[in-house]
Amino acid sequence: MLTGSIDEAGRDGVRGWVRDGSSPGAPVILLATAEGRLLGRTIANRFRPDVRAAGHGDGRSGFELRFNPPLPPGRSWLLRLSAEADGADLPGSPVRLPAEGEFDAAAEASIAALMDGAGDREGIERRLQFLQQQQRRLLRRWARSAEPTSSGPDGSSCRTKRALVLDERAPAPDRDAGSGAVLSHMRALRRAGYAVSFATPDMDGNAATARRLAADGITLHRAPWVRSLEELLRRDRDGYDLVYLHRVAVASDYGPLARRLQPRARIVYALADLHHLRLSRQARWEDRPELEREARRLRALELWAAAGADAVVTHSEVEAALLRQHVPAERVHVVAWSVSPPPRGPRPWKDRQGAVFVGGLAHAPNLAAALLLRDQIVPRLRDRGGAIECRLVGEGTFPDLSVPGLAALGHVPRLDTVLNSARLAVAPLPFGAGLKGKLLTAFAAGLPCVCSSIAAEGFALPAALRELVCDDPDQTASLIHRLHEDEAFNRRCSDAAIAFVRAGFSDEALDAALRPVLGEGGAPAEG
């Protein structure tokens, strides 16, 4: 009875070991055939220390046979190894060699058989090394597979530009405005002709996320195919034309590495907002000196990250002015994101009731706004009469926020349903930074928004919407009441909100604003 294994098999040869249990002292003579065609004859008498260490005799049972000429690659072959004496097949034989490029069930079975024949630790390590090499090769090809070439002016093929976008977490537009912004920018990069891929430091993302991004033509790099951002940047060294770093943690941690491993790439640092500005404002609002110290640390980190980038993207003119005090002005760009108003207008006035506040309450500015609603604004609203309910929508709600006139709904599966049932939005943020996505979300849905000056910061609002900006709780309650009860006033503000979004937050406006960031010149669109 034969024992042994086929360690490697290919079109140019085969390698392994074999012993005959009935004649352990005599080497086995092997014949290699492929569908009746004799490929060669060999004696299995090579010394294999791994075989001896595994307890298979003295180890002199190895073989290696090279085929001359190799098997043609245009078709699959069934390779058989058998003993010359009695025709008995070697364990693992026959082996299906697929046609070049073919990877079918037979090929998988053949590879599995080769892996099963690993034997001792040395054989296992040899196979692991081989698989790791093949994995790296395939991943490089996979990374480029979604990046087709394009035609040049003369009709010749030219290389597609490649952009790598990095963020703290996989984007989820219903979670935070930053997710909506980075998704919008990735779509804009696709429109600009870039092949776009995305990754996070922990290689986060599941199959569902991969499918969502793929629907926009974006490739998700994730575990287990890539183990780290460093591996990704190193594996495709100097392979990207643009590296887009979203948020300060990513920019400060990976900006220098991206610069070193992607030397020809344009490095873009995109702010969700200036974190230090938001934290400093929170420190003053809550009278917490320890937050001010953390704000100073973040300020140094954000300015350092900005100084190391070729272009800095902020959504707010206010933040751009602050950055230009420390970074060359030509590197700082104001780029918002695109928002699409729904194809149909809001539900009829009579079918809508109440106000809505959108924002995850784990985010400190949103929680502070919710507390202002509970403690100062909703009580004043109740004093004006009428049953006007404010609904809080977002993750991280707290039980004590649900009081008469205020309902904490938590996360809702369909935000548009809640928006389309309300008459207005509210956003009394006492602190914060950046452009507020909650305002754009409300405006796109046709909802006027009563908001604080912090919430409105960075927006060039038209006069009709500037009327709704106030910081006094009593005035805020009055505006909410008027918008809820005065249909004509509400309609005028609603029309202004939709027109504002369409004019300044379209795909066309975003593409124009992004061109200078990409080093392509041009001026951002008005609005």
Protein backbone atom coordinates (compact mmCIF):
# COMPACT_ATOMS: atom_id res chain seq x y z
CA MET A 1 0.00 0.00 0.00
CA LEU A 2 1.39 3.40 -0.99
CA THR A 3 1.75 6.29 1.45
CA GLY A 4 2.93 9.78 0.56
CA SER A 5 1.76 13.05 -0.93
CA ILE A 6 2.01 15.27 -3.96
CA ASP A 7 3.53 18.46 -2.64
CA GLU A 8 3.48 20.47 -5.87
CA ALA A 9 1.98 19.77 -9.27
CA GLY A 10 1.97 21.93 -12.36
CA ARG A 11 2.29 21.91 -16.11
CA ASP A 12 6.08 21.80 -15.91
CA GLY A 13 6.53 19.11 -13.25
CA VAL A 14 5.59 17.44 -9.99
CA ARG A 15 7.18 17.04 -6.57
CA GLY A 16 6.42 14.91 -3.47
CA TRP A 17 7.26 11.69 -1.67
CA VAL A 18 6.03 8.08 -1.65
CA ARG A 19 6.72 4.77 0.15
CA ASP A 20 5.42 1.23 -0.45
CA GLY A 21 4.33 -0.27 2.87
CA SER A 22 4.74 -3.82 1.56
CA SER A 23 8.40 -3.18 0.51
CA PRO A 24 9.60 -0.37 2.80
CA GLY A 25 13.26 -0.78 1.86
CA ALA A 26 12.79 -0.50 -1.90
CA PRO A 27 12.20 2.86 -3.63
CA VAL A 28 9.02 3.22 -5.64
CA ILE A 29 9.34 3.79 -9.37
CA LEU A 30 6.69 6.29 -10.51
CA LEU A 31 5.10 6.99 -13.86
CA ALA A 32 3.57 10.38 -14.61
CA THR A 33 0.82 10.41 -17.21
CA ALA A 34 -1.74 12.93 -18.39
CA GLU A 35 -4.83 11.35 -19.93
CA GLY A 36 -2.86 8.46 -21.46
CA ARG A 37 0.17 10.54 -22.38
CA LEU A 38 3.43 9.48 -20.67
CA LEU A 39 5.18 12.51 -19.23
CA GLY A 40 8.09 10.83 -17.48
CA ARG A 41 9.44 8.17 -15.14
CA THR A 42 11.30 8.72 -11.87
CA ILE A 43 12.59 6.84 -8.81
CA ALA A 44 11.42 8.11 -5.42
CA ASN A 45 14.76 7.87 -3.58
CA ARG A 46 15.63 11.49 -2.73
CA PHE A 47 16.35 12.22 0.91
CA ARG A 48 13.58 14.18 2.65
CA PRO A 49 14.45 15.09 6.26
CA ASP A 50 10.88 16.21 6.89
CA VAL A 51 9.60 12.78 5.86
CA ARG A 52 12.07 11.01 8.16
CA ALA A 53 11.20 13.41 11.00
CA ALA A 54 7.56 12.51 10.51
CA GLY A 55 8.41 8.83 11.09
CA HIS A 56 8.23 7.58 7.50
CA GLY A 57 11.31 5.35 7.32
CA ASP A 58 14.77 6.74 6.56
CA GLY A 59 13.37 9.63 4.53
CA ARG A 60 14.80 8.44 1.18
CA SER A 61 11.48 8.52 -0.61
CA GLY A 62 11.29 11.95 -2.18
CA PHE A 63 10.86 12.64 -5.88
CA GLU A 64 10.87 15.54 -8.31
CA LEU A 65 10.06 15.12 -11.99
CA ARG A 66 10.27 17.90 -14.58
CA PHE A 67 8.20 17.55 -17.75
CA ASN A 68 9.97 18.19 -21.03
CA PRO A 69 8.15 19.72 -22.74
CA PRO A 70 5.63 21.14 -20.23
CA LEU A 71 1.95 20.43 -20.70
CA PRO A 72 0.26 22.94 -23.05
CA PRO A 73 -1.68 25.65 -21.17
CA GLY A 74 -4.70 25.92 -23.47
CA ARG A 75 -6.70 23.13 -21.80
CA SER A 76 -7.08 21.33 -18.48
CA TRP A 77 -5.20 18.08 -17.79
CA LEU A 78 -5.75 15.16 -15.42
CA LEU A 79 -2.29 14.37 -14.05
CA ARG A 80 -1.85 10.84 -12.67
CA LEU A 81 1.07 9.50 -10.61
CA SER A 82 1.16 5.71 -10.24
CA ALA A 83 3.58 2.96 -9.28
CA GLU A 84 5.20 1.30 -12.28
CA ALA A 85 5.03 -2.11 -10.60
CA ASP A 86 1.28 -2.43 -10.16
CA GLY A 87 -0.30 0.84 -11.39
CA ALA A 88 -1.43 1.88 -7.90
CA ASP A 89 -2.09 5.61 -7.61
CA LEU A 90 -0.06 7.78 -5.25
CA PRO A 91 -2.26 9.41 -2.51
CA GLY A 92 -3.62 12.67 -3.97
CA SER A 93 -3.51 11.33 -7.52
CA PRO A 94 -5.01 12.13 -9.98
CA VAL A 95 -4.59 15.93 -9.89
CA ARG A 96 -6.64 18.19 -12.14
CA LEU A 97 -4.52 20.93 -13.72
CA PRO A 98 -7.00 23.58 -14.90
CA ALA A 99 -6.66 25.45 -18.14
CA GLU A 100 -4.71 28.66 -17.77
CA GLY A 101 -6.97 31.16 -16.07
CA GLU A 102 -9.56 28.51 -15.18
CA PHE A 103 -10.50 28.19 -11.53
CA ASP A 104 -13.25 25.62 -11.21
CA ALA A 105 -14.28 23.05 -8.61
CA ALA A 106 -11.65 20.62 -9.87
CA ALA A 107 -8.93 23.26 -9.47
CA GLU A 108 -10.09 24.00 -5.95
CA ALA A 109 -10.04 20.30 -5.11
CA SER A 110 -6.52 19.95 -6.50
CA ILE A 111 -5.26 22.88 -4.45
CA ALA A 112 -7.00 21.54 -1.35
CA ALA A 113 -5.31 18.17 -1.90
CA LEU A 114 -1.94 19.88 -2.12
CA MET A 115 -2.63 21.73 1.11
CA ASP A 116 -3.74 18.52 2.83
CA GLY A 117 -0.42 16.93 1.92
CA ALA A 118 1.53 19.43 4.00
CA GLY A 119 2.94 16.77 6.30
CA ASP A 120 5.23 18.27 8.92
CA ARG A 121 5.77 21.85 10.06
CA GLU A 122 8.26 22.56 7.27
CA GLY A 123 5.69 21.51 4.67
CA ILE A 124 3.03 23.66 6.31
CA GLU A 125 5.31 26.70 6.40
CA ARG A 126 6.26 26.20 2.75
CA ARG A 127 2.61 26.18 1.74
CA LEU A 128 1.75 29.18 3.91
CA GLN A 129 4.58 31.16 2.35
CA PHE A 130 3.36 30.24 -1.12
CA LEU A 131 -0.25 31.16 -0.30
CA GLN A 132 0.80 34.51 1.17
CA GLN A 133 2.76 35.33 -1.98
CA GLN A 134 -0.19 34.42 -4.17
CA GLN A 135 -2.55 36.39 -1.96
CA ARG A 136 -0.41 39.53 -2.32
CA ARG A 137 -0.34 39.10 -6.10
CA LEU A 138 -4.11 38.63 -6.31
CA LEU A 139 -4.83 41.56 -3.99
CA ARG A 140 -2.71 43.86 -6.12
CA ARG A 141 -4.64 42.74 -9.19
CA TRP A 142 -7.95 43.01 -7.32
CA ALA A 143 -7.18 46.57 -6.20
CA ARG A 144 -6.63 47.57 -9.81
CA SER A 145 -9.43 45.49 -11.32
CA ALA A 146 -12.06 48.18 -10.70
CA GLU A 147 -9.83 50.83 -12.23
CA PRO A 148 -10.27 50.68 -15.99
CA THR A 149 -8.07 52.58 -18.37
CA SER A 150 -9.52 55.48 -20.29
CA SER A 151 -8.91 56.80 -23.77
CA GLY A 152 -6.55 59.70 -24.37
CA PRO A 153 -7.14 62.50 -26.89
CA ASP A 154 -5.52 60.43 -29.64
CA GLY A 155 -7.62 57.38 -28.84
CA SER A 156 -4.78 55.61 -27.04
CA SER A 157 -5.27 53.93 -23.69
CA CYS A 158 -4.13 55.90 -20.64
CA ARG A 159 -3.96 55.04 -16.96
CA THR A 160 -6.94 55.93 -14.78
CA LYS A 161 -6.11 58.16 -11.81
CA ARG A 162 -6.46 56.45 -8.46
CA ALA A 163 -7.72 57.94 -5.19
CA LEU A 164 -7.57 56.35 -1.75
CA VAL A 165 -9.98 57.78 0.85
CA LEU A 166 -9.36 57.10 4.54
CA ASP A 167 -11.76 57.82 7.41
CA GLU A 168 -12.20 56.75 11.04
CA ARG A 169 -15.26 54.59 10.27
CA ALA A 170 -17.13 53.28 7.29
CA PRO A 171 -19.59 55.98 6.18
CA ALA A 172 -23.20 55.79 7.36
CA PRO A 173 -25.13 58.89 6.23
CA ASP A 174 -27.89 58.38 8.81
CA ARG A 175 -25.27 58.50 11.60
CA ASP A 176 -23.46 61.82 11.09
CA ALA A 177 -22.98 64.64 8.60
CA GLY A 178 -19.33 63.71 8.10
CA SER A 179 -20.40 60.40 6.57
CA GLY A 180 -22.65 62.19 4.10
CA ALA A 181 -19.84 64.59 3.23
CA VAL A 182 -17.20 61.95 2.57
CA LEU A 183 -19.61 59.86 0.49
CA SER A 184 -20.53 62.92 -1.54
CA HIS A 185 -16.85 63.74 -2.10
CA MET A 186 -16.06 60.17 -3.17
CA ARG A 187 -18.84 60.35 -5.76
CA ALA A 188 -17.40 63.66 -6.95
CA LEU A 189 -13.96 62.05 -7.30
CA ARG A 190 -15.56 59.34 -9.44
CA ARG A 191 -17.13 62.02 -11.63
CA ALA A 192 -13.69 63.65 -11.92
CA GLY A 193 -12.35 60.43 -13.43
CA TYR A 194 -10.74 58.80 -10.40
CA ALA A 195 -10.94 55.15 -9.48
CA VAL A 196 -11.84 55.45 -5.78
CA SER A 197 -11.19 53.03 -2.93
CA PHE A 198 -11.94 53.45 0.77
CA ALA A 199 -10.53 52.09 4.03
CA THR A 200 -10.48 52.70 7.79
CA PRO A 201 -7.64 52.20 10.31
CA ASP A 202 -9.23 49.03 11.70
CA MET A 203 -10.14 47.84 8.17
CA ASP A 204 -13.78 48.15 9.22
CA GLY A 205 -16.67 47.27 6.95
CA ASN A 206 -18.78 44.26 6.13
CA ALA A 207 -20.19 42.78 2.95
CA ALA A 208 -23.25 45.07 3.13
CA THR A 209 -21.02 48.16 3.35
CA ALA A 210 -18.94 46.85 0.46
CA ARG A 211 -22.08 46.44 -1.65
CA ARG A 212 -23.32 49.96 -0.80
CA LEU A 213 -20.01 51.50 -1.80
CA ALA A 214 -19.74 49.31 -4.87
CA ALA A 215 -23.08 50.70 -6.05
CA ASP A 216 -21.26 54.04 -6.37
CA GLY A 217 -18.24 52.41 -8.01
CA ILE A 218 -16.14 52.58 -4.82
CA THR A 219 -13.94 49.69 -3.67
CA LEU A 220 -13.84 48.90 0.07
CA HIS A 221 -10.55 47.59 1.45
CA ARG A 222 -11.27 45.51 4.54
CA ALA A 223 -10.13 42.58 6.65
CA PRO A 224 -9.22 39.82 6.12
CA TRP A 225 -7.97 40.79 2.65
CA VAL A 226 -5.99 43.73 4.02
CA ARG A 227 -4.81 43.73 7.62
CA SER A 228 -3.85 47.39 8.10
CA LEU A 229 -3.65 50.75 6.38
CA GLU A 230 0.13 50.51 6.48
CA GLU A 231 -0.04 47.23 4.57
CA LEU A 232 -2.41 48.80 2.05
CA LEU A 233 -0.19 51.84 1.48
CA ARG A 234 2.96 49.73 1.36
CA ARG A 235 1.54 47.00 -0.88
CA ASP A 236 0.57 49.52 -3.55
CA ARG A 237 3.56 51.78 -2.98
CA ASP A 238 3.44 54.91 -5.16
CA GLY A 239 0.26 53.57 -6.78
CA TYR A 240 -2.14 56.40 -5.88
CA ASP A 241 -2.53 59.86 -7.37
CA LEU A 242 -4.57 61.19 -4.46
CA VAL A 243 -4.81 60.26 -0.77
CA TYR A 244 -7.81 61.87 0.93
CA LEU A 245 -7.57 61.90 4.75
CA HIS A 246 -10.86 62.62 6.52
CA ARG A 247 -10.79 63.94 10.10
CA VAL A 248 -7.83 64.91 12.22
CA ALA A 249 -7.14 61.51 13.82
CA VAL A 250 -6.66 59.90 10.41
CA ALA A 251 -4.69 62.83 8.98
CA SER A 252 -2.28 63.06 11.92
CA ASP A 253 -1.76 59.30 12.21
CA TYR A 254 -1.46 58.40 8.53
CA GLY A 255 -0.53 61.62 6.71
CA PRO A 256 3.24 61.19 7.14
CA LEU A 257 3.04 57.50 6.19
CA ALA A 258 1.01 58.31 3.08
CA ARG A 259 3.56 60.98 2.14
CA ARG A 260 6.42 58.49 2.44
CA LEU A 261 4.80 55.49 0.73
CA GLN A 262 2.83 57.44 -1.89
CA PRO A 263 5.37 60.14 -2.85
CA ARG A 264 3.65 61.29 -6.04
CA ALA A 265 0.15 61.41 -4.51
CA ARG A 266 -1.58 64.68 -3.71
CA ILE A 267 -2.34 64.60 0.03
CA VAL A 268 -5.71 66.14 0.96
CA TYR A 269 -6.75 66.72 4.57
CA ALA A 270 -10.53 67.12 4.84
CA LEU A 271 -12.10 68.41 8.04
CA ALA A 272 -15.45 67.26 9.28
CA ASP A 273 -15.08 70.39 11.42
CA LEU A 274 -12.35 72.05 13.46
CA HIS A 275 -12.52 69.82 16.53
CA HIS A 276 -10.54 72.23 18.68
CA LEU A 277 -12.97 75.06 17.94
CA ARG A 278 -15.95 72.92 18.88
CA LEU A 279 -14.28 71.71 22.09
CA SER A 280 -13.19 75.20 23.11
CA ARG A 281 -16.75 76.46 22.72
CA GLN A 282 -18.02 73.52 24.75
CA ALA A 283 -15.49 74.31 27.49
CA ARG A 284 -16.84 77.86 27.78
CA TRP A 285 -20.50 76.77 27.64
CA GLU A 286 -20.05 74.10 30.32
CA ASP A 287 -17.34 75.98 32.29
CA ARG A 288 -14.90 73.06 32.05
CA PRO A 289 -11.23 74.17 32.02
CA GLU A 290 -10.03 70.62 31.33
CA LEU A 291 -11.79 70.71 27.95
CA GLU A 292 -9.97 73.93 27.10
CA ARG A 293 -6.65 72.20 27.68
CA GLU A 294 -7.71 69.36 25.38
CA ALA A 295 -8.85 71.95 22.82
CA ARG A 296 -5.35 73.47 22.80
CA ARG A 297 -3.82 70.03 22.20
CA LEU A 298 -6.25 69.36 19.34
CA ARG A 299 -5.55 72.77 17.84
CA ALA A 300 -1.84 71.97 17.58
CA LEU A 301 -2.64 68.58 16.04
CA GLU A 302 -5.08 70.02 13.49
CA LEU A 303 -2.71 72.77 12.41
CA TRP A 304 0.15 70.27 12.13
CA ALA A 305 -1.97 67.99 9.95
CA ALA A 306 -3.02 70.94 7.80
CA ALA A 307 0.58 72.09 7.37
CA GLY A 308 1.57 68.64 6.09
CA ALA A 309 -1.13 68.45 3.40
CA ASP A 310 -1.07 69.69 -0.18
CA ALA A 311 -4.67 70.83 0.18
CA VAL A 312 -6.96 71.39 3.16
CA VAL A 313 -10.72 71.07 2.74
CA THR A 314 -13.20 72.66 5.12
CA HIS A 315 -16.94 73.06 4.66
CA SER A 316 -17.11 76.46 6.38
CA GLU A 317 -15.82 79.91 5.37
CA VAL A 318 -15.42 80.70 9.08
CA GLU A 319 -13.05 77.76 9.55
CA ALA A 320 -11.25 78.57 6.29
CA ALA A 321 -10.46 82.07 7.62
CA LEU A 322 -9.03 80.57 10.82
CA LEU A 323 -6.90 78.05 8.90
CA ARG A 324 -5.52 80.70 6.53
CA GLN A 325 -3.91 82.42 9.51
CA HIS A 326 -1.58 79.41 9.83
CA VAL A 327 -1.58 77.65 6.42
CA PRO A 328 -0.81 79.23 3.03
CA ALA A 329 -4.14 80.61 1.82
CA GLU A 330 -3.93 78.90 -1.57
CA ARG A 331 -3.96 75.49 0.13
CA VAL A 332 -7.23 76.08 2.00
CA HIS A 333 -10.44 75.31 0.09
CA VAL A 334 -14.09 75.62 1.07
CA VAL A 335 -15.95 72.61 -0.30
CA ALA A 336 -19.37 71.63 1.00
CA TRP A 337 -21.17 68.52 -0.18
CA SER A 338 -24.11 67.89 -2.46
CA VAL A 339 -27.65 67.42 -1.20
CA SER A 340 -30.58 66.32 -3.35
CA PRO A 341 -34.05 67.66 -2.54
CA PRO A 342 -36.70 64.95 -2.85
CA PRO A 343 -38.44 64.66 -6.23
CA ARG A 344 -41.79 65.44 -4.60
CA GLY A 345 -42.50 68.32 -2.27
CA PRO A 346 -43.47 67.89 1.40
CA ARG A 347 -46.81 66.48 2.37
CA PRO A 348 -49.76 68.89 2.46
CA TRP A 349 -49.75 71.34 5.35
CA LYS A 350 -52.78 69.81 7.04
CA ASP A 351 -51.10 66.36 7.12
CA ARG A 352 -48.01 67.59 8.96
CA GLN A 353 -47.59 68.49 12.62
CA GLY A 354 -44.85 69.45 15.06
CA ALA A 355 -41.12 70.18 14.82
CA VAL A 356 -38.15 67.85 14.50
CA PHE A 357 -34.57 67.97 15.78
CA VAL A 358 -32.15 65.61 14.01
CA GLY A 359 -28.90 64.62 15.73
CA GLY A 360 -27.30 61.78 17.62
CA LEU A 361 -27.33 62.68 21.29
CA ALA A 362 -23.98 61.01 21.96
CA HIS A 363 -22.54 64.10 20.20
CA ALA A 364 -22.14 66.77 22.89
CA PRO A 365 -23.54 69.77 20.91
CA ASN A 366 -26.68 67.80 20.07
CA LEU A 367 -27.25 66.75 23.68
CA ALA A 368 -26.79 70.34 24.84
CA ALA A 369 -29.37 71.47 22.26
CA ALA A 370 -31.81 68.78 23.41
CA LEU A 371 -31.43 69.94 27.01
CA LEU A 372 -32.10 73.54 25.95
CA LEU A 373 -35.26 72.36 24.22
CA ARG A 374 -36.38 70.47 27.32
CA ASP A 375 -35.54 73.11 29.92
CA GLN A 376 -36.02 76.48 28.21
CA ILE A 377 -37.69 76.33 24.79
CA VAL A 378 -40.48 73.72 25.03
CA PRO A 379 -41.89 75.17 28.31
CA ARG A 380 -42.13 78.60 26.62
CA LEU A 381 -43.73 76.95 23.60
CA ARG A 382 -46.37 75.33 25.81
CA ASP A 383 -47.14 78.76 27.31
CA ARG A 384 -48.11 80.00 23.83
CA GLY A 385 -50.84 77.39 23.53
CA GLY A 386 -51.45 74.74 20.93
CA ALA A 387 -50.18 71.16 20.93
CA ILE A 388 -46.84 71.60 19.17
CA GLU A 389 -44.62 68.60 19.78
CA CYS A 390 -40.86 68.61 19.18
CA ARG A 391 -39.48 65.20 18.18
CA LEU A 392 -35.85 64.27 18.83
CA VAL A 393 -34.46 61.86 16.25
CA GLY A 394 -31.06 60.20 16.58
CA GLU A 395 -29.09 57.56 18.45
CA GLY A 396 -28.16 57.94 22.10
CA THR A 397 -31.42 59.28 23.48
CA PHE A 398 -31.93 59.63 27.25
CA PRO A 399 -35.18 58.78 29.08
CA ASP A 400 -35.41 62.11 30.95
CA LEU A 401 -35.64 64.03 27.67
CA SER A 402 -39.19 62.85 27.03
CA VAL A 403 -41.37 65.47 28.73
CA PRO A 404 -44.72 67.01 27.70
CA GLY A 405 -44.16 68.63 24.32
CA LEU A 406 -40.89 66.81 23.69
CA ALA A 407 -40.58 63.22 22.42
CA ALA A 408 -37.26 61.37 22.18
CA LEU A 409 -37.74 58.89 19.32
CA GLY A 410 -34.18 57.58 19.13
CA HIS A 411 -32.95 56.06 15.89
CA VAL A 412 -35.56 55.76 13.15
CA PRO A 413 -35.14 53.48 10.12
CA ARG A 414 -36.55 56.08 7.68
CA LEU A 415 -35.58 59.67 8.47
CA ASP A 416 -37.48 60.98 5.45
CA THR A 417 -40.73 59.71 6.95
CA VAL A 418 -40.19 61.79 10.11
CA LEU A 419 -39.12 64.86 8.16
CA ASN A 420 -42.12 64.65 5.86
CA SER A 421 -44.49 64.52 8.81
CA ALA A 422 -43.17 67.73 10.46
CA ARG A 423 -43.85 71.38 9.68
CA LEU A 424 -40.40 72.68 10.66
CA ALA A 425 -37.01 71.75 12.10
CA VAL A 426 -35.18 73.17 15.11
CA ALA A 427 -31.45 73.32 15.87
CA PRO A 428 -30.71 75.41 19.01
CA LEU A 429 -27.04 74.35 19.24
CA PRO A 430 -25.23 76.36 21.93
CA PHE A 431 -21.80 75.31 20.65
CA GLY A 432 -20.26 73.39 17.77
CA ALA A 433 -18.21 73.93 14.63
CA GLY A 434 -18.31 73.29 10.92
CA LEU A 435 -21.25 73.23 8.55
CA LYS A 436 -24.27 71.62 10.17
CA GLY A 437 -25.65 68.71 8.19
CA LYS A 438 -28.92 68.84 10.13
CA LEU A 439 -29.75 72.19 8.51
CA LEU A 440 -29.07 70.91 5.00
CA THR A 441 -31.09 67.77 5.70
CA ALA A 442 -34.04 69.90 6.82
CA PHE A 443 -33.72 72.39 3.95
CA ALA A 444 -33.54 69.62 1.35
CA ALA A 445 -36.79 68.21 2.78
CA GLY A 446 -38.43 71.63 2.46
CA LEU A 447 -38.45 72.30 6.21
CA PRO A 448 -37.57 75.77 7.48
CA CYS A 449 -35.29 75.55 10.52
CA VAL A 450 -35.27 77.72 13.61
CA CYS A 451 -31.61 77.61 14.61
CA SER A 452 -28.95 79.25 16.75
CA SER A 453 -26.18 81.45 15.34
CA ILE A 454 -23.75 78.58 15.94
CA ALA A 455 -25.94 76.23 13.90
CA ALA A 456 -26.15 78.78 11.06
CA GLU A 457 -22.42 79.53 11.12
CA GLY A 458 -20.72 79.07 7.75
CA PHE A 459 -23.96 79.31 5.73
CA ALA A 460 -24.59 82.29 3.44
CA LEU A 461 -28.30 82.16 4.20
CA PRO A 462 -30.83 84.20 2.22
CA ALA A 463 -32.83 86.83 4.08
CA ALA A 464 -35.90 84.60 4.54
CA LEU A 465 -33.82 82.00 6.40
CA ARG A 466 -31.75 84.54 8.35
CA GLU A 467 -35.03 85.59 10.00
CA LEU A 468 -35.06 82.17 11.70
CA VAL A 469 -31.64 82.53 13.38
CA CYS A 470 -31.77 83.45 17.07
CA ASP A 471 -30.14 82.53 20.38
CA ASP A 472 -32.80 83.74 22.83
CA PRO A 473 -35.06 80.90 24.11
CA ASP A 474 -38.16 83.11 24.19
CA GLN A 475 -37.63 84.33 20.62
CA THR A 476 -36.89 80.75 19.52
CA ALA A 477 -40.20 79.57 20.95
CA SER A 478 -42.01 82.44 19.21
CA LEU A 479 -40.49 81.57 15.83
CA ILE A 480 -41.34 77.88 16.24
CA HIS A 481 -44.93 78.81 17.09
CA ARG A 482 -45.25 81.19 14.12
CA LEU A 483 -43.77 78.72 11.62
CA HIS A 484 -46.08 76.01 12.92
CA GLU A 485 -49.28 78.09 12.78
CA ASP A 486 -48.69 80.51 9.87
CA GLU A 487 -48.88 78.49 6.64
CA ALA A 488 -47.95 81.42 4.36
CA PHE A 489 -44.87 82.30 6.41
CA ASN A 490 -43.84 78.64 6.55
CA ARG A 491 -44.29 78.26 2.77
CA ARG A 492 -42.16 81.33 2.05
CA CYS A 493 -39.33 79.97 4.24
CA SER A 494 -39.73 76.46 2.82
CA ASP A 495 -39.37 77.71 -0.77
CA ALA A 496 -36.27 79.68 0.25
CA ALA A 497 -34.75 76.58 1.88
CA ILE A 498 -35.20 74.38 -1.20
CA ALA A 499 -33.89 77.10 -3.52
CA PHE A 500 -30.85 77.58 -1.24
CA VAL A 501 -29.97 73.88 -1.40
CA ARG A 502 -30.46 73.63 -5.15
CA ALA A 503 -28.29 76.68 -5.84
CA GLY A 504 -25.32 75.94 -3.60
CA PHE A 505 -25.30 72.23 -2.80
CA SER A 506 -25.72 70.51 -6.15
CA ASP A 507 -23.33 68.02 -7.75
CA GLU A 508 -22.27 70.75 -10.17
CA ALA A 509 -21.39 73.17 -7.35
CA LEU A 510 -19.44 70.45 -5.55
CA ASP A 511 -17.50 69.44 -8.66
CA ALA A 512 -16.52 73.05 -9.35
CA ALA A 513 -15.38 73.61 -5.75
CA LEU A 514 -13.37 70.36 -5.75
CA ARG A 515 -11.37 71.06 -8.91
CA PRO A 516 -8.78 73.35 -7.23
CA VAL A 517 -8.39 70.77 -4.44
CA LEU A 518 -7.33 68.23 -7.08
CA GLY A 519 -4.81 70.68 -8.52
CA GLU A 520 -6.86 71.19 -11.67
CA GLY A 521 -7.42 74.94 -11.36
CA GLY A 522 -10.74 76.66 -11.74
CA ALA A 523 -12.75 78.64 -9.23
CA PRO A 524 -15.44 77.30 -6.93
CA ALA A 525 -19.02 78.01 -7.82
CA GLU A 526 -20.90 80.84 -6.19
CA GLY A 527 -23.30 80.05 -3.38
